[in-house]
Amino acid sequence: MALLLCEHGWDVLARNWTTKGGELDLVVRDGGRLRFVEVKLRQPDDPVGLECVDARKLGRVRHAAEAFLLGYDDLVDEMCLMVAMVTPRDGKLDIELFDDP
């Protein structure tokens, strides 16, 4: 996932960044845009979508993002949560990206 975002011009700032009570799968930046990326692996034909990122999970990501920002000094114009739904299919990965689910 990180490699794909790098190929699209994003800089990876952190992977699997943890704090007490939360984790960020990826933190990426493109200019002044900062994204906290939650990566979800699902099986082919799995009907579960964004509902797997429930209120509890969002709270944990928010807590971790706030902790990350306490130690982050660069200016940010825009930030949000991005969910990456990754589905292995025919030897490849299908990836759907959603901003602010």
PDB file of N, CA and C in Angstrom:
ATOM      1  N   MET A   1       0.822  -1.182   0.000  1.00  0.00           N
ATOM      2  CA  MET A   1       0.000   0.000   0.000  1.00  0.00           C
ATOM      3  C   MET A   1       0.871   1.251   0.000  1.00  0.00           C
ATOM      4  N   ALA A   2       1.894   1.265   0.837  1.00  0.00           N
ATOM      5  CA  ALA A   2       2.785   2.417   0.911  1.00  0.00           C
ATOM      6  C   ALA A   2       3.469   2.662  -0.426  1.00  0.00           C
ATOM      7  N   LEU A   3       3.891   1.597  -1.081  1.00  0.00           N
ATOM      8  CA  LEU A   3       4.554   1.723  -2.374  1.00  0.00           C
ATOM      9  C   LEU A   3       3.624   2.356  -3.402  1.00  0.00           C
ATOM     10  N   LEU A   4       2.379   1.936  -3.426  1.00  0.00           N
ATOM     11  CA  LEU A   4       1.412   2.504  -4.361  1.00  0.00           C
ATOM     12  C   LEU A   4       1.244   4.003  -4.130  1.00  0.00           C
ATOM     13  N   LEU A   5       1.111   4.413  -2.883  1.00  0.00           N
ATOM     14  CA  LEU A   5       0.958   5.829  -2.584  1.00  0.00           C
ATOM     15  C   LEU A   5       2.218   6.606  -2.957  1.00  0.00           C
ATOM     16  N   CYS A   6       3.389   6.008  -2.759  1.00  0.00           N
ATOM     17  CA  CYS A   6       4.636   6.648  -3.174  1.00  0.00           C
ATOM     18  C   CYS A   6       4.672   6.843  -4.685  1.00  0.00           C
ATOM     19  N   GLU A   7       4.198   5.846  -5.420  1.00  0.00           N
ATOM     20  CA  GLU A   7       4.155   5.948  -6.882  1.00  0.00           C
ATOM     21  C   GLU A   7       3.245   7.075  -7.347  1.00  0.00           C
ATOM     22  N   HIS A   8       2.291   7.459  -6.510  1.00  0.00           N
ATOM     23  CA  HIS A   8       1.372   8.548  -6.841  1.00  0.00           C
ATOM     24  C   HIS A   8       1.813   9.879  -6.223  1.00  0.00           C
ATOM     25  N   GLY A   9       3.059   9.945  -5.752  1.00  0.00           N
ATOM     26  CA  GLY A   9       3.621  11.202  -5.287  1.00  0.00           C
ATOM     27  C   GLY A   9       3.501  11.492  -3.805  1.00  0.00           C
ATOM     28  N   TRP A  10       2.970  10.566  -3.036  1.00  0.00           N
ATOM     29  CA  TRP A  10       2.843  10.777  -1.591  1.00  0.00           C
ATOM     30  C   TRP A  10       4.154  10.376  -0.908  1.00  0.00           C
ATOM     31  N   ASP A  11       4.495  11.081   0.153  1.00  0.00           N
ATOM     32  CA  ASP A  11       5.639  10.719   0.985  1.00  0.00           C
ATOM     33  C   ASP A  11       5.128   9.962   2.202  1.00  0.00           C
ATOM     34  N   VAL A  12       5.727   8.824   2.481  1.00  0.00           N
ATOM     35  CA  VAL A  12       5.340   8.040   3.657  1.00  0.00           C
ATOM     36  C   VAL A  12       6.110   8.572   4.854  1.00  0.00           C
ATOM     37  N   LEU A  13       5.378   9.060   5.844  1.00  0.00           N
ATOM     38  CA  LEU A  13       5.989   9.598   7.056  1.00  0.00           C
ATOM     39  C   LEU A  13       6.094   8.561   8.160  1.00  0.00           C
ATOM     40  N   ALA A  14       5.152   7.615   8.185  1.00  0.00           N
ATOM     41  CA  ALA A  14       5.159   6.596   9.242  1.00  0.00           C
ATOM     42  C   ALA A  14       4.383   5.371   8.780  1.00  0.00           C
ATOM     43  N   ARG A  15       4.813   4.218   9.269  1.00  0.00           N
ATOM     44  CA  ARG A  15       4.111   2.945   9.043  1.00  0.00           C
ATOM     45  C   ARG A  15       3.910   2.283  10.397  1.00  0.00           C
ATOM     46  N   ASN A  16       2.701   1.769  10.597  1.00  0.00           N
ATOM     47  CA  ASN A  16       2.384   1.067  11.850  1.00  0.00           C
ATOM     48  C   ASN A  16       2.815   1.875  13.082  1.00  0.00           C
ATOM     49  N   TRP A  17       2.462   3.134  13.072  1.00  0.00           N
ATOM     50  CA  TRP A  17       2.791   4.042  14.172  1.00  0.00           C
ATOM     51  C   TRP A  17       1.818   3.797  15.308  1.00  0.00           C
ATOM     52  N   THR A  18       2.350   3.527  16.494  1.00  0.00           N
ATOM     53  CA  THR A  18       1.470   3.187  17.619  1.00  0.00           C
ATOM     54  C   THR A  18       1.655   4.131  18.787  1.00  0.00           C
ATOM     55  N   THR A  19       0.592   4.259  19.531  1.00  0.00           N
ATOM     56  CA  THR A  19       0.579   4.987  20.785  1.00  0.00           C
ATOM     57  C   THR A  19      -0.386   4.235  21.691  1.00  0.00           C
ATOM     58  N   LYS A  20      -0.357   4.524  22.950  1.00  0.00           N
ATOM     59  CA  LYS A  20      -1.281   3.847  23.853  1.00  0.00           C
ATOM     60  C   LYS A  20      -2.721   4.130  23.415  1.00  0.00           C
ATOM     61  N   GLY A  21      -3.445   3.083  23.090  1.00  0.00           N
ATOM     62  CA  GLY A  21      -4.850   3.238  22.722  1.00  0.00           C
ATOM     63  C   GLY A  21      -5.116   3.441  21.245  1.00  0.00           C
ATOM     64  N   GLY A  22      -4.080   3.344  20.379  1.00  0.00           N
ATOM     65  CA  GLY A  22      -4.358   3.524  18.958  1.00  0.00           C
ATOM     66  C   GLY A  22      -3.168   3.236  18.075  1.00  0.00           C
ATOM     67  N   GLU A  23      -3.458   3.033  16.796  1.00  0.00           N
ATOM     68  CA  GLU A  23      -2.422   2.753  15.809  1.00  0.00           C
ATOM     69  C   GLU A  23      -2.809   3.399  14.492  1.00  0.00           C
ATOM     70  N   LEU A  24      -1.786   3.862  13.763  1.00  0.00           N
ATOM     71  CA  LEU A  24      -1.969   4.388  12.415  1.00  0.00           C
ATOM     72  C   LEU A  24      -1.242   3.448  11.468  1.00  0.00           C
ATOM     73  N   ASP A  25      -1.968   2.861  10.520  1.00  0.00           N
ATOM     74  CA  ASP A  25      -1.326   1.948   9.573  1.00  0.00           C
ATOM     75  C   ASP A  25      -0.292   2.694   8.739  1.00  0.00           C
ATOM     76  N   LEU A  26      -0.693   3.844   8.205  1.00  0.00           N
ATOM     77  CA  LEU A  26       0.214   4.689   7.418  1.00  0.00           C
ATOM     78  C   LEU A  26      -0.101   6.153   7.693  1.00  0.00           C
ATOM     79  N   VAL A  27       0.934   6.970   7.642  1.00  0.00           N
ATOM     80  CA  VAL A  27       0.756   8.419   7.617  1.00  0.00           C
ATOM     81  C   VAL A  27       1.494   8.881   6.365  1.00  0.00           C
ATOM     82  N   VAL A  28       0.776   9.555   5.472  1.00  0.00           N
ATOM     83  CA  VAL A  28       1.366  10.000   4.212  1.00  0.00           C
ATOM     84  C   VAL A  28       1.103  11.489   4.004  1.00  0.00           C
ATOM     85  N   ARG A  29       1.964  12.085   3.179  1.00  0.00           N
ATOM     86  CA  ARG A  29       1.852  13.519   2.918  1.00  0.00           C
ATOM     87  C   ARG A  29       2.104  13.794   1.442  1.00  0.00           C
ATOM     88  N   ASP A  30       1.318  14.699   0.891  1.00  0.00           N
ATOM     89  CA  ASP A  30       1.506  15.192  -0.472  1.00  0.00           C
ATOM     90  C   ASP A  30       1.398  16.707  -0.382  1.00  0.00           C
ATOM     91  N   GLY A  31       2.540  17.382  -0.383  1.00  0.00           N
ATOM     92  CA  GLY A  31       2.534  18.830  -0.190  1.00  0.00           C
ATOM     93  C   GLY A  31       1.981  19.153   1.187  1.00  0.00           C
ATOM     94  N   GLY A  32       0.935  19.968   1.236  1.00  0.00           N
ATOM     95  CA  GLY A  32       0.316  20.330   2.502  1.00  0.00           C
ATOM     96  C   GLY A  32      -0.798  19.407   2.933  1.00  0.00           C
ATOM     97  N   ARG A  33      -1.012  18.304   2.193  1.00  0.00           N
ATOM     98  CA  ARG A  33      -2.091  17.362   2.523  1.00  0.00           C
ATOM     99  C   ARG A  33      -1.518  16.198   3.323  1.00  0.00           C
ATOM    100  N   LEU A  34      -2.120  15.943   4.461  1.00  0.00           N
ATOM    101  CA  LEU A  34      -1.702  14.850   5.339  1.00  0.00           C
ATOM    102  C   LEU A  34      -2.850  13.861   5.459  1.00  0.00           C
ATOM    103  N   ARG A  35      -2.541  12.564   5.314  1.00  0.00           N
ATOM    104  CA  ARG A  35      -3.561  11.523   5.420  1.00  0.00           C
ATOM    105  C   ARG A  35      -3.123  10.470   6.422  1.00  0.00           C
ATOM    106  N   PHE A  36      -4.067  10.093   7.270  1.00  0.00           N
ATOM    107  CA  PHE A  36      -3.888   8.972   8.176  1.00  0.00           C
ATOM    108  C   PHE A  36      -4.623   7.813   7.515  1.00  0.00           C
ATOM    109  N   VAL A  37      -3.888   6.803   7.077  1.00  0.00           N
ATOM    110  CA  VAL A  37      -4.450   5.744   6.244  1.00  0.00           C
ATOM    111  C   VAL A  37      -4.718   4.488   7.070  1.00  0.00           C
ATOM    112  N   GLU A  38      -5.964   4.062   7.072  1.00  0.00           N
ATOM    113  CA  GLU A  38      -6.382   2.796   7.689  1.00  0.00           C
ATOM    114  C   GLU A  38      -6.481   1.780   6.559  1.00  0.00           C
ATOM    115  N   VAL A  39      -5.672   0.733   6.612  1.00  0.00           N
ATOM    116  CA  VAL A  39      -5.652  -0.286   5.567  1.00  0.00           C
ATOM    117  C   VAL A  39      -6.475  -1.480   6.022  1.00  0.00           C
ATOM    118  N   LYS A  40      -7.430  -1.882   5.194  1.00  0.00           N
ATOM    119  CA  LYS A  40      -8.296  -3.022   5.499  1.00  0.00           C
ATOM    120  C   LYS A  40      -8.169  -4.053   4.380  1.00  0.00           C
ATOM    121  N   LEU A  41      -7.775  -5.259   4.748  1.00  0.00           N
ATOM    122  CA  LEU A  41      -7.684  -6.366   3.804  1.00  0.00           C
ATOM    123  C   LEU A  41      -9.003  -7.118   3.839  1.00  0.00           C
ATOM    124  N   ARG A  42      -9.551  -7.380   2.672  1.00  0.00           N
ATOM    125  CA  ARG A  42     -10.781  -8.173   2.627  1.00  0.00           C
ATOM    126  C   ARG A  42     -10.633  -9.239   1.556  1.00  0.00           C
ATOM    127  N   GLN A  43     -11.412 -10.272   1.691  1.00  0.00           N
ATOM    128  CA  GLN A  43     -11.368 -11.383   0.752  1.00  0.00           C
ATOM    129  C   GLN A  43     -12.228 -11.064  -0.471  1.00  0.00           C
ATOM    130  N   PRO A  44     -11.895 -11.660  -1.627  1.00  0.00           N
ATOM    131  CA  PRO A  44     -12.725 -11.441  -2.815  1.00  0.00           C
ATOM    132  C   PRO A  44     -14.185 -11.787  -2.521  1.00  0.00           C
ATOM    133  N   ASP A  45     -15.075 -11.008  -3.055  1.00  0.00           N
ATOM    134  CA  ASP A  45     -16.528 -11.192  -2.901  1.00  0.00           C
ATOM    135  C   ASP A  45     -17.009 -11.003  -1.463  1.00  0.00           C
ATOM    136  N   ASP A  46     -16.170 -10.402  -0.627  1.00  0.00           N
ATOM    137  CA  ASP A  46     -16.586 -10.088   0.737  1.00  0.00           C
ATOM    138  C   ASP A  46     -17.465  -8.839   0.677  1.00  0.00           C
ATOM    139  N   PRO A  47     -18.697  -8.934   1.143  1.00  0.00           N
ATOM    140  CA  PRO A  47     -19.595  -7.782   1.035  1.00  0.00           C
ATOM    141  C   PRO A  47     -19.299  -6.666   2.034  1.00  0.00           C
ATOM    142  N   VAL A  48     -18.437  -6.930   3.001  1.00  0.00           N
ATOM    143  CA  VAL A  48     -18.138  -5.916   4.014  1.00  0.00           C
ATOM    144  C   VAL A  48     -17.316  -4.802   3.383  1.00  0.00           C
ATOM    145  N   GLY A  49     -17.754  -3.585   3.597  1.00  0.00           N
ATOM    146  CA  GLY A  49     -17.056  -2.425   3.060  1.00  0.00           C
ATOM    147  C   GLY A  49     -16.615  -1.495   4.162  1.00  0.00           C
ATOM    148  N   LEU A  50     -16.910  -0.233   3.988  1.00  0.00           N
ATOM    149  CA  LEU A  50     -16.465   0.772   4.941  1.00  0.00           C
ATOM    150  C   LEU A  50     -17.068   0.611   6.329  1.00  0.00           C
ATOM    151  N   GLU A  51     -18.164  -0.163   6.428  1.00  0.00           N
ATOM    152  CA  GLU A  51     -18.757  -0.349   7.758  1.00  0.00           C
ATOM    153  C   GLU A  51     -17.814  -1.073   8.717  1.00  0.00           C
ATOM    154  N   CYS A  52     -16.735  -1.675   8.185  1.00  0.00           N
ATOM    155  CA  CYS A  52     -15.764  -2.320   9.077  1.00  0.00           C
ATOM    156  C   CYS A  52     -14.955  -1.276   9.854  1.00  0.00           C
ATOM    157  N   VAL A  53     -15.020  -0.030   9.427  1.00  0.00           N
ATOM    158  CA  VAL A  53     -14.384   1.058  10.168  1.00  0.00           C
ATOM    159  C   VAL A  53     -15.484   1.720  10.988  1.00  0.00           C
ATOM    160  N   ASP A  54     -15.753   1.125  12.137  1.00  0.00           N
ATOM    161  CA  ASP A  54     -16.865   1.576  12.973  1.00  0.00           C
ATOM    162  C   ASP A  54     -16.444   2.732  13.885  1.00  0.00           C
ATOM    163  N   ALA A  55     -17.375   3.194  14.691  1.00  0.00           N
ATOM    164  CA  ALA A  55     -17.130   4.338  15.565  1.00  0.00           C
ATOM    165  C   ALA A  55     -15.971   4.075  16.534  1.00  0.00           C
ATOM    166  N   ARG A  56     -15.884   2.868  17.043  1.00  0.00           N
ATOM    167  CA  ARG A  56     -14.794   2.536  17.966  1.00  0.00           C
ATOM    168  C   ARG A  56     -13.444   2.641  17.263  1.00  0.00           C
ATOM    169  N   LYS A  57     -13.357   2.082  16.050  1.00  0.00           N
ATOM    170  CA  LYS A  57     -12.115   2.132  15.284  1.00  0.00           C
ATOM    171  C   LYS A  57     -11.769   3.576  14.939  1.00  0.00           C
ATOM    172  N   LEU A  58     -12.758   4.350  14.520  1.00  0.00           N
ATOM    173  CA  LEU A  58     -12.513   5.759  14.202  1.00  0.00           C
ATOM    174  C   LEU A  58     -11.971   6.508  15.419  1.00  0.00           C
ATOM    175  N   GLY A  59     -12.498   6.198  16.595  1.00  0.00           N
ATOM    176  CA  GLY A  59     -12.015   6.834  17.816  1.00  0.00           C
ATOM    177  C   GLY A  59     -10.560   6.503  18.095  1.00  0.00           C
ATOM    178  N   ARG A  60     -10.183   5.252  17.865  1.00  0.00           N
ATOM    179  CA  ARG A  60      -8.802   4.831  18.097  1.00  0.00           C
ATOM    180  C   ARG A  60      -7.854   5.496  17.101  1.00  0.00           C
ATOM    181  N   VAL A  61      -8.292   5.593  15.846  1.00  0.00           N
ATOM    182  CA  VAL A  61      -7.471   6.260  14.827  1.00  0.00           C
ATOM    183  C   VAL A  61      -7.346   7.748  15.159  1.00  0.00           C
ATOM    184  N   ARG A  62      -8.441   8.354  15.557  1.00  0.00           N
ATOM    185  CA  ARG A  62      -8.411   9.779  15.916  1.00  0.00           C
ATOM    186  C   ARG A  62      -7.457  10.030  17.081  1.00  0.00           C
ATOM    187  N   HIS A  63      -7.522   9.175  18.088  1.00  0.00           N
ATOM    188  CA  HIS A  63      -6.628   9.301  19.235  1.00  0.00           C
ATOM    189  C   HIS A  63      -5.168   9.205  18.779  1.00  0.00           C
ATOM    190  N   ALA A  64      -4.862   8.233  17.947  1.00  0.00           N
ATOM    191  CA  ALA A  64      -3.495   8.051  17.458  1.00  0.00           C
ATOM    192  C   ALA A  64      -3.068   9.233  16.591  1.00  0.00           C
ATOM    193  N   ALA A  65      -3.976   9.743  15.750  1.00  0.00           N
ATOM    194  CA  ALA A  65      -3.646  10.885  14.900  1.00  0.00           C
ATOM    195  C   ALA A  65      -3.333  12.120  15.742  1.00  0.00           C
ATOM    196  N   GLU A  66      -4.113  12.336  16.783  1.00  0.00           N
ATOM    197  CA  GLU A  66      -3.856  13.473  17.671  1.00  0.00           C
ATOM    198  C   GLU A  66      -2.496  13.334  18.344  1.00  0.00           C
ATOM    199  N   ALA A  67      -2.150  12.135  18.779  1.00  0.00           N
ATOM    200  CA  ALA A  67      -0.849  11.894  19.397  1.00  0.00           C
ATOM    201  C   ALA A  67       0.277  12.110  18.387  1.00  0.00           C
ATOM    202  N   PHE A  68       0.089  11.645  17.161  1.00  0.00           N
ATOM    203  CA  PHE A  68       1.092  11.836  16.110  1.00  0.00           C
ATOM    204  C   PHE A  68       1.320  13.325  15.862  1.00  0.00           C
ATOM    205  N   LEU A  69       0.242  14.085  15.788  1.00  0.00           N
ATOM    206  CA  LEU A  69       0.347  15.514  15.490  1.00  0.00           C
ATOM    207  C   LEU A  69       1.058  16.295  16.589  1.00  0.00           C
ATOM    208  N   LEU A  70       1.008  15.808  17.822  1.00  0.00           N
ATOM    209  CA  LEU A  70       1.719  16.483  18.911  1.00  0.00           C
ATOM    210  C   LEU A  70       3.219  16.564  18.647  1.00  0.00           C
ATOM    211  N   GLY A  71       3.757  15.582  17.927  1.00  0.00           N
ATOM    212  CA  GLY A  71       5.190  15.577  17.630  1.00  0.00           C
ATOM    213  C   GLY A  71       5.514  15.971  16.202  1.00  0.00           C
ATOM    214  N   TYR A  72       4.546  16.510  15.482  1.00  0.00           N
ATOM    215  CA  TYR A  72       4.730  16.841  14.063  1.00  0.00           C
ATOM    216  C   TYR A  72       4.776  18.347  13.907  1.00  0.00           C
ATOM    217  N   ASP A  73       5.884  18.870  13.377  1.00  0.00           N
ATOM    218  CA  ASP A  73       6.089  20.307  13.340  1.00  0.00           C
ATOM    219  C   ASP A  73       5.796  20.981  11.995  1.00  0.00           C
ATOM    220  N   ASP A  74       5.667  20.231  10.922  1.00  0.00           N
ATOM    221  CA  ASP A  74       5.449  20.840   9.608  1.00  0.00           C
ATOM    222  C   ASP A  74       4.044  21.411   9.494  1.00  0.00           C
ATOM    223  N   LEU A  75       3.907  22.429   8.664  1.00  0.00           N
ATOM    224  CA  LEU A  75       2.595  23.010   8.406  1.00  0.00           C
ATOM    225  C   LEU A  75       1.745  22.067   7.581  1.00  0.00           C
ATOM    226  N   VAL A  76       0.469  22.040   7.871  1.00  0.00           N
ATOM    227  CA  VAL A  76      -0.472  21.174   7.153  1.00  0.00           C
ATOM    228  C   VAL A  76      -1.660  22.029   6.730  1.00  0.00           C
ATOM    229  N   ASP A  77      -2.002  21.960   5.435  1.00  0.00           N
ATOM    230  CA  ASP A  77      -3.160  22.685   4.913  1.00  0.00           C
ATOM    231  C   ASP A  77      -4.442  21.887   5.085  1.00  0.00           C
ATOM    232  N   GLU A  78      -4.305  20.575   4.988  1.00  0.00           N
ATOM    233  CA  GLU A  78      -5.482  19.701   4.977  1.00  0.00           C
ATOM    234  C   GLU A  78      -5.078  18.351   5.551  1.00  0.00           C
ATOM    235  N   MET A  79      -5.953  17.759   6.340  1.00  0.00           N
ATOM    236  CA  MET A  79      -5.691  16.407   6.834  1.00  0.00           C
ATOM    237  C   MET A  79      -7.005  15.663   6.964  1.00  0.00           C
ATOM    238  N   CYS A  80      -6.940  14.352   6.791  1.00  0.00           N
ATOM    239  CA  CYS A  80      -8.129  13.539   6.975  1.00  0.00           C
ATOM    240  C   CYS A  80      -7.736  12.071   7.063  1.00  0.00           C
ATOM    241  N   LEU A  81      -8.725  11.269   7.372  1.00  0.00           N
ATOM    242  CA  LEU A  81      -8.567   9.822   7.384  1.00  0.00           C
ATOM    243  C   LEU A  81      -8.827   9.302   5.978  1.00  0.00           C
ATOM    244  N   MET A  82      -7.970   8.408   5.541  1.00  0.00           N
ATOM    245  CA  MET A  82      -8.171   7.718   4.272  1.00  0.00           C
ATOM    246  C   MET A  82      -8.259   6.228   4.593  1.00  0.00           C
ATOM    247  N   VAL A  83      -9.249   5.560   4.041  1.00  0.00           N
ATOM    248  CA  VAL A  83      -9.361   4.110   4.204  1.00  0.00           C
ATOM    249  C   VAL A  83      -8.977   3.467   2.886  1.00  0.00           C
ATOM    250  N   ALA A  84      -8.087   2.488   2.951  1.00  0.00           N
ATOM    251  CA  ALA A  84      -7.675   1.723   1.776  1.00  0.00           C
ATOM    252  C   ALA A  84      -8.243   0.317   1.914  1.00  0.00           C
ATOM    253  N   MET A  85      -9.192  -0.022   1.051  1.00  0.00           N
ATOM    254  CA  MET A  85      -9.763  -1.367   1.031  1.00  0.00           C
ATOM    255  C   MET A  85      -8.959  -2.183   0.017  1.00  0.00           C
ATOM    256  N   VAL A  86      -8.260  -3.216   0.482  1.00  0.00           N
ATOM    257  CA  VAL A  86      -7.363  -4.008  -0.351  1.00  0.00           C
ATOM    258  C   VAL A  86      -7.946  -5.412  -0.494  1.00  0.00           C
ATOM    259  N   THR A  87      -8.134  -5.825  -1.755  1.00  0.00           N
ATOM    260  CA  THR A  87      -8.696  -7.143  -2.043  1.00  0.00           C
ATOM    261  C   THR A  87      -7.766  -7.896  -2.990  1.00  0.00           C
ATOM    262  N   PRO A  88      -7.207  -9.048  -2.553  1.00  0.00           N
ATOM    263  CA  PRO A  88      -6.400  -9.846  -3.484  1.00  0.00           C
ATOM    264  C   PRO A  88      -7.320 -10.515  -4.509  1.00  0.00           C
ATOM    265  N   ARG A  89      -6.942 -10.398  -5.780  1.00  0.00           N
ATOM    266  CA  ARG A  89      -7.776 -10.971  -6.831  1.00  0.00           C
ATOM    267  C   ARG A  89      -6.886 -11.337  -8.022  1.00  0.00           C
ATOM    268  N   ASP A  90      -6.889 -12.612  -8.391  1.00  0.00           N
ATOM    269  CA  ASP A  90      -6.135 -13.089  -9.554  1.00  0.00           C
ATOM    270  C   ASP A  90      -4.655 -12.709  -9.499  1.00  0.00           C
ATOM    271  N   GLY A  91      -4.046 -12.856  -8.333  1.00  0.00           N
ATOM    272  CA  GLY A  91      -2.628 -12.579  -8.187  1.00  0.00           C
ATOM    273  C   GLY A  91      -2.269 -11.105  -8.096  1.00  0.00           C
ATOM    274  N   LYS A  92      -3.259 -10.239  -8.079  1.00  0.00           N
ATOM    275  CA  LYS A  92      -3.030  -8.798  -7.964  1.00  0.00           C
ATOM    276  C   LYS A  92      -3.827  -8.258  -6.792  1.00  0.00           C
ATOM    277  N   LEU A  93      -3.580  -7.013  -6.461  1.00  0.00           N
ATOM    278  CA  LEU A  93      -4.332  -6.368  -5.395  1.00  0.00           C
ATOM    279  C   LEU A  93      -5.240  -5.295  -5.978  1.00  0.00           C
ATOM    280  N   ASP A  94      -6.532  -5.411  -5.730  1.00  0.00           N
ATOM    281  CA  ASP A  94      -7.473  -4.349  -6.055  1.00  0.00           C
ATOM    282  C   ASP A  94      -7.503  -3.409  -4.866  1.00  0.00           C
ATOM    283  N   ILE A  95      -7.310  -2.133  -5.112  1.00  0.00           N
ATOM    284  CA  ILE A  95      -7.265  -1.162  -4.025  1.00  0.00           C
ATOM    285  C   ILE A  95      -8.265  -0.048  -4.295  1.00  0.00           C
ATOM    286  N   GLU A  96      -9.122   0.186  -3.306  1.00  0.00           N
ATOM    287  CA  GLU A  96     -10.060   1.298  -3.351  1.00  0.00           C
ATOM    288  C   GLU A  96      -9.688   2.251  -2.226  1.00  0.00           C
ATOM    289  N   LEU A  97      -9.582   3.539  -2.543  1.00  0.00           N
ATOM    290  CA  LEU A  97      -9.233   4.551  -1.548  1.00  0.00           C
ATOM    291  C   LEU A  97     -10.442   5.426  -1.274  1.00  0.00           C
ATOM    292  N   PHE A  98     -10.688   5.674   0.007  1.00  0.00           N
ATOM    293  CA  PHE A  98     -11.810   6.508   0.429  1.00  0.00           C
ATOM    294  C   PHE A  98     -11.282   7.560   1.401  1.00  0.00           C
ATOM    295  N   ASP A  99     -11.527   8.833   1.111  1.00  0.00           N
ATOM    296  CA  ASP A  99     -11.188   9.914   2.035  1.00  0.00           C
ATOM    297  C   ASP A  99     -12.364  10.159   2.955  1.00  0.00           C
ATOM    298  N   ASP A 100     -12.069  10.400   4.239  1.00  0.00           N
ATOM    299  CA  ASP A 100     -13.082  10.741   5.227  1.00  0.00           C
ATOM    300  C   ASP A 100     -14.367   9.921   5.102  1.00  0.00           C
ATOM    301  N   PRO A 101     -14.283   8.616   5.445  1.00  0.00           N
ATOM    302  CA  PRO A 101     -15.482   7.756   5.295  1.00  0.00           C
ATOM    303  C   PRO A 101     -16.605   8.194   6.203  1.00  0.00           C
TER     304      PRO A 101
END
